[in-house]
């Protein structure tokens, strides 16, 4: 008998349904409980109207367990109005202008011998890396976040679910 183990990210994936086809990136994220911290952060950073605009955008969306790995005091501090600019810089580090489907990322990885640089909306670089049988994002600090689910369609782009928050320098 084979055991099947599901990570939190995998459980989140089961929540996505056909309804995402008629929703923008913010609405898709808001419809998934495991993105509640992300949605709260997007609101605190005043990025809702931006992520509801035409785009298109590619969003690497961390699940709640990824945010939980950040020190609670630091996360609470980031959510305060006085730190809106810093929070916005972190969140826009998770966004790439244009729509990059998983196939586009895979093609870039193949062309780059297992690495592909992605310029984020905040102007910094994320590096997509093929390793350990998966695709990961490496942030500016050398930390990795696994891409757990790809190609969640929205009317103004695409969401790729990641397991950890990536941080700019």
Protein backbone atom coordinates (compact mmCIF):
# COMPACT_ATOMS: atom_id res chain seq x y z
CA UNK A 1 0.00 0.00 0.00
CA UNK A 2 1.40 3.34 -1.03
CA UNK A 3 1.13 6.30 1.34
CA UNK A 4 0.30 9.69 -0.09
CA UNK A 5 1.65 12.70 1.75
CA UNK A 6 0.40 16.19 0.98
CA UNK A 7 2.22 19.34 2.00
CA UNK A 8 0.31 22.45 3.01
CA UNK A 9 1.03 23.86 -0.43
CA UNK A 10 -0.40 20.73 -2.04
CA UNK A 11 -3.60 21.07 -0.01
CA UNK A 12 -3.83 24.69 -1.15
CA UNK A 13 -3.66 23.49 -4.73
CA UNK A 14 -6.78 21.43 -4.27
CA UNK A 15 -8.74 24.60 -3.50
CA UNK A 16 -8.19 26.12 -6.95
CA UNK A 17 -11.13 25.48 -9.22
CA UNK A 18 -12.51 26.73 -12.51
CA UNK A 19 -13.74 29.90 -10.79
CA UNK A 20 -10.23 31.38 -11.05
CA UNK A 21 -10.76 31.92 -14.80
CA UNK A 22 -13.01 34.95 -14.20
CA UNK A 23 -11.04 36.49 -11.33
CA UNK A 24 -8.05 38.82 -11.20
CA UNK A 25 -4.91 37.99 -9.22
CA UNK A 26 -6.17 39.59 -6.00
CA UNK A 27 -9.55 37.86 -6.20
CA UNK A 28 -7.92 34.47 -6.84
CA UNK A 29 -5.60 34.94 -3.86
CA UNK A 30 -8.46 36.14 -1.64
CA UNK A 31 -10.46 33.02 -2.51
CA UNK A 32 -7.80 30.72 -1.02
CA UNK A 33 -7.47 30.53 2.78
CA UNK A 34 -3.77 29.63 2.54
CA UNK A 35 -3.07 33.07 1.01
CA UNK A 36 -4.71 35.07 3.82
CA UNK A 37 -1.39 36.49 5.06
CA UNK A 38 -0.39 37.45 1.51
CA UNK A 39 -3.73 39.18 0.94
CA UNK A 40 -3.40 41.06 4.25
CA UNK A 41 0.11 42.16 3.26
CA UNK A 42 -1.06 43.29 -0.21
CA UNK A 43 -3.74 45.41 1.48
CA UNK A 44 -1.29 46.83 4.05
CA UNK A 45 1.15 47.76 1.27
CA UNK A 46 -1.67 49.42 -0.70
CA UNK A 47 -1.03 47.19 -3.74
CA UNK A 48 -4.58 45.96 -4.31
CA UNK A 49 -5.41 48.38 -7.12
CA UNK A 50 -2.09 47.68 -8.84
CA UNK A 51 -2.62 43.91 -8.77
CA UNK A 52 -6.22 44.35 -9.94
CA UNK A 53 -5.10 46.41 -12.96
CA UNK A 54 -4.79 45.00 -16.47
CA UNK A 55 -1.22 43.74 -16.09
CA UNK A 56 -0.39 41.12 -17.10
CA UNK A 57 1.59 40.00 -14.07
CA UNK A 58 3.31 36.85 -12.94
CA UNK A 59 3.00 36.51 -9.17
CA UNK A 60 5.06 34.08 -7.12
CA UNK A 61 2.64 33.77 -4.21
CA UNK A 62 3.89 32.46 -0.85
CA UNK A 63 1.52 30.37 1.26
CA UNK A 64 0.79 31.21 4.90
CA UNK A 65 3.36 28.69 6.17
CA UNK A 66 6.02 30.63 4.25
CA UNK A 67 5.08 33.84 6.03
CA UNK A 68 5.03 31.93 9.34
CA UNK A 69 8.79 31.33 8.95
CA UNK A 70 9.35 35.07 9.33
CA UNK A 71 9.77 36.29 12.90
CA UNK A 72 6.27 37.28 14.09
CA UNK A 73 7.44 40.65 15.47
CA UNK A 74 9.20 41.48 12.20
CA UNK A 75 6.14 40.51 10.16
CA UNK A 76 3.80 42.53 12.39
CA UNK A 77 6.15 45.50 12.09
CA UNK A 78 6.12 45.24 8.29
CA UNK A 79 2.31 45.37 8.30
CA UNK A 80 2.30 48.74 10.09
CA UNK A 81 1.55 51.85 7.98
CA UNK A 82 4.98 53.32 8.78
CA UNK A 83 6.63 50.37 6.97
CA UNK A 84 4.38 50.35 3.90
CA UNK A 85 7.26 51.18 1.54
CA UNK A 86 9.45 48.32 2.83
CA UNK A 87 6.53 45.86 2.68
CA UNK A 88 5.74 47.01 -0.85
CA UNK A 89 9.37 46.39 -1.89
CA UNK A 90 9.19 42.84 -0.52
CA UNK A 91 5.86 42.08 -2.19
CA UNK A 92 6.82 43.55 -5.57
CA UNK A 93 9.90 41.32 -5.41
CA UNK A 94 7.39 38.47 -5.89
CA UNK A 95 5.97 39.98 -9.08
CA UNK A 96 7.30 39.94 -12.64
CA UNK A 97 5.78 42.15 -15.35
CA UNK A 98 4.20 40.08 -18.09
CA UNK A 99 2.75 36.60 -18.06
CA UNK A 100 5.31 33.81 -17.60
CA UNK A 101 3.71 30.41 -17.78
CA UNK A 102 5.54 27.39 -16.39
CA UNK A 103 6.52 26.46 -19.95
CA UNK A 104 8.20 29.87 -20.37
CA UNK A 105 10.18 29.41 -17.16
CA UNK A 106 11.14 25.86 -18.20
CA UNK A 107 12.34 27.12 -21.60
CA UNK A 108 14.41 29.85 -19.94
CA UNK A 109 15.90 27.27 -17.55
CA UNK A 110 16.83 25.03 -20.46
CA UNK A 111 18.42 27.92 -22.36
CA UNK A 112 20.31 28.98 -19.24
CA UNK A 113 21.62 25.51 -18.30
CA UNK A 114 19.35 25.23 -15.26
CA UNK A 115 19.25 28.93 -14.27
CA UNK A 116 17.16 31.87 -15.43
CA UNK A 117 17.18 35.43 -14.12
CA UNK A 118 13.82 37.13 -13.67
CA UNK A 119 13.59 40.90 -13.23
CA UNK A 120 10.94 41.72 -10.66
CA UNK A 121 8.64 44.73 -10.55
CA UNK A 122 10.80 46.26 -7.81
CA UNK A 123 13.80 46.15 -10.17
CA UNK A 124 15.72 43.39 -8.39
CA UNK A 125 16.51 39.94 -9.72
CA UNK A 126 15.13 36.54 -8.73
CA UNK A 127 16.87 33.48 -10.10
CA UNK A 128 14.86 30.44 -11.13
CA UNK A 129 16.92 27.31 -10.56
CA UNK A 130 16.32 23.68 -11.46
CA UNK A 131 17.48 21.52 -8.54
CA UNK A 132 16.52 18.48 -6.51
CA UNK A 133 13.90 17.49 -9.08
CA UNK A 134 12.00 20.76 -8.82
CA UNK A 135 12.11 24.40 -9.72
CA UNK A 136 13.09 26.88 -7.05
CA UNK A 137 13.45 30.63 -6.79
CA UNK A 138 16.71 31.87 -5.32
CA UNK A 139 16.45 35.33 -3.78
CA UNK A 140 19.11 38.02 -3.52
CA UNK A 141 20.26 36.54 -0.19
CA UNK A 142 20.84 33.03 -1.55
CA UNK A 143 17.70 31.56 0.06
CA UNK A 144 15.46 29.18 -1.90
CA UNK A 145 11.71 28.80 -2.23
CA UNK A 146 10.23 25.82 -4.06
CA UNK A 147 7.59 26.44 -6.69
CA UNK A 148 4.82 24.12 -5.51
CA UNK A 149 2.11 24.82 -8.12
CA UNK A 150 2.22 26.57 -11.46
CA UNK A 151 -0.09 28.24 -13.91
CA UNK A 152 -3.00 29.31 -11.72
CA UNK A 153 -4.71 31.53 -14.26
CA UNK A 154 -6.21 34.92 -13.49
CA UNK A 155 -7.74 37.48 -15.82
CA UNK A 156 -4.68 39.72 -15.51
CA UNK A 157 -1.87 37.19 -15.32
CA UNK A 158 -0.77 34.01 -13.65
CA UNK A 159 0.07 32.86 -10.13
CA UNK A 160 2.76 30.34 -9.23
CA UNK A 161 2.48 29.10 -5.63
CA UNK A 162 5.75 29.14 -3.65
CA UNK A 163 6.53 27.64 -0.25
CA UNK A 164 8.58 30.50 1.23
CA UNK A 165 8.77 34.28 1.11
CA UNK A 166 11.68 35.49 -1.06
CA UNK A 167 13.48 38.60 0.15
CA UNK A 168 15.34 41.33 -1.71
CA UNK A 169 18.66 42.65 -0.37
